[in-house]
C-alpha atoms as a PDB file:
ATOM      1  CA  UNK A   1     -57.358-106.739  -8.883  1.00  0.00           C
ATOM      2  CA  UNK A   2     -56.180-103.626 -10.666  1.00  0.00           C
ATOM      3  CA  UNK A   3     -53.387-103.817 -13.225  1.00  0.00           C
ATOM      4  CA  UNK A   4     -50.967-102.045 -10.877  1.00  0.00           C
ATOM      5  CA  UNK A   5     -51.568-104.584  -8.080  1.00  0.00           C
ATOM      6  CA  UNK A   6     -51.171-107.502 -10.484  1.00  0.00           C
ATOM      7  CA  UNK A   7     -47.607-106.310 -11.184  1.00  0.00           C
ATOM      8  CA  UNK A   8     -46.779-106.826  -7.500  1.00  0.00           C
ATOM      9  CA  UNK A   9     -48.346-110.158  -6.504  1.00  0.00           C
ATOM     10  CA  UNK A  10     -46.181-110.822  -3.429  1.00  0.00           C
ATOM     11  CA  UNK A  11     -47.633-109.202  -0.323  1.00  0.00           C
ATOM     12  CA  UNK A  12     -45.941-108.591   3.022  1.00  0.00           C
ATOM     13  CA  UNK A  13     -48.546-108.547   5.782  1.00  0.00           C
ATOM     14  CA  UNK A  14     -47.966-107.380   9.338  1.00  0.00           C
ATOM     15  CA  UNK A  15     -49.856-109.341  11.961  1.00  0.00           C
ATOM     16  CA  UNK A  16     -51.140-107.134  14.770  1.00  0.00           C
ATOM     17  CA  UNK A  17     -53.361-109.221  17.052  1.00  0.00           C
ATOM     18  CA  UNK A  18     -56.169-108.579  17.976  1.00  0.00           C
ATOM     19  CA  UNK A  19     -56.543-106.129  15.073  1.00  0.00           C
ATOM     20  CA  UNK A  20     -56.947-107.291  11.464  1.00  0.00           C
ATOM     21  CA  UNK A  21     -53.753-107.939   9.450  1.00  0.00           C
ATOM     22  CA  UNK A  22     -52.308-104.961   7.575  1.00  0.00           C
ATOM     23  CA  UNK A  23     -50.839-105.086   4.063  1.00  0.00           C
ATOM     24  CA  UNK A  24     -47.438-103.558   4.700  1.00  0.00           C
ATOM     25  CA  UNK A  25     -45.862-103.715   1.218  1.00  0.00           C
ATOM     26  CA  UNK A  26     -46.164-105.342  -2.226  1.00  0.00           C
ATOM     27  CA  UNK A  27     -43.357-106.835  -4.290  1.00  0.00           C
ATOM     28  CA  UNK A  28     -42.806-108.166  -7.794  1.00  0.00           C
ATOM     29  CA  UNK A  29     -40.423-110.894  -6.628  1.00  0.00           C
ATOM     30  CA  UNK A  30     -40.592-113.282  -3.660  1.00  0.00           C
ATOM     31  CA  UNK A  31     -36.878-112.783  -2.950  1.00  0.00           C
ATOM     32  CA  UNK A  32     -37.428-109.042  -2.587  1.00  0.00           C
ATOM     33  CA  UNK A  33     -40.250-109.656  -0.112  1.00  0.00           C
ATOM     34  CA  UNK A  34     -38.089-112.053   1.938  1.00  0.00           C
ATOM     35  CA  UNK A  35     -35.183-109.619   2.016  1.00  0.00           C
ATOM     36  CA  UNK A  36     -37.411-106.755   3.120  1.00  0.00           C
ATOM     37  CA  UNK A  37     -38.968-109.010   5.759  1.00  0.00           C
ATOM     38  CA  UNK A  38     -35.537-109.944   7.140  1.00  0.00           C
ATOM     39  CA  UNK A  39     -34.560-106.287   7.379  1.00  0.00           C
ATOM     40  CA  UNK A  40     -37.778-105.492   9.236  1.00  0.00           C
ATOM     41  CA  UNK A  41     -37.142-108.366  11.660  1.00  0.00           C
ATOM     42  CA  UNK A  42     -33.844-106.688  12.602  1.00  0.00           C
ATOM     43  CA  UNK A  43     -35.546-103.321  13.069  1.00  0.00           C
ATOM     44  CA  UNK A  44     -38.714-104.666  14.748  1.00  0.00           C
ATOM     45  CA  UNK A  45     -37.720-107.954  16.430  1.00  0.00           C
ATOM     46  CA  UNK A  46     -41.108-108.488  18.140  1.00  0.00           C
ATOM     47  CA  UNK A  47     -43.199-107.798  15.038  1.00  0.00           C
ATOM     48  CA  UNK A  48     -44.700-110.680  13.055  1.00  0.00           C
ATOM     49  CA  UNK A  49     -44.854-110.609   9.265  1.00  0.00           C
ATOM     50  CA  UNK A  50     -46.297-112.977   6.694  1.00  0.00           C
ATOM     51  CA  UNK A  51     -45.444-113.195   2.980  1.00  0.00           C
ATOM     52  CA  UNK A  52     -48.237-114.383   0.682  1.00  0.00           C
ATOM     53  CA  UNK A  53     -48.871-114.628  -3.037  1.00  0.00           C
ATOM     54  CA  UNK A  54     -51.993-112.648  -3.938  1.00  0.00           C
ATOM     55  CA  UNK A  55     -53.710-114.711  -6.628  1.00  0.00           C
ATOM     56  CA  UNK A  56     -57.132-113.127  -6.364  1.00  0.00           C
ATOM     57  CA  UNK A  57     -58.997-113.153  -9.633  1.00  0.00           C
ATOM     58  CA  UNK A  58     -60.456-109.967 -11.105  1.00  0.00           C
ATOM     59  CA  UNK A  59     -64.181-109.563 -10.632  1.00  0.00           C
ATOM     60  CA  UNK A  60     -66.319-109.820 -13.718  1.00  0.00           C
ATOM     61  CA  UNK A  61     -68.278-106.652 -14.543  1.00  0.00           C
ATOM     62  CA  UNK A  62     -71.934-106.812 -13.593  1.00  0.00           C
ATOM     63  CA  UNK A  63     -74.476-106.500 -16.353  1.00  0.00           C
END
């Protein structure tokens, strides 16, 4: 994970079956992600969103 992405670990994902999920936005704070998600639910009532914490570890450089 790059340094920039590690500053925004909370990820808002839009679920679009049967297509793969799409990362919609990244946030520094869980409360910000929830607030944004609630606003989107008002604008797009049929859309489905998921908030997750991205804890992926950085890959070690190959030698």
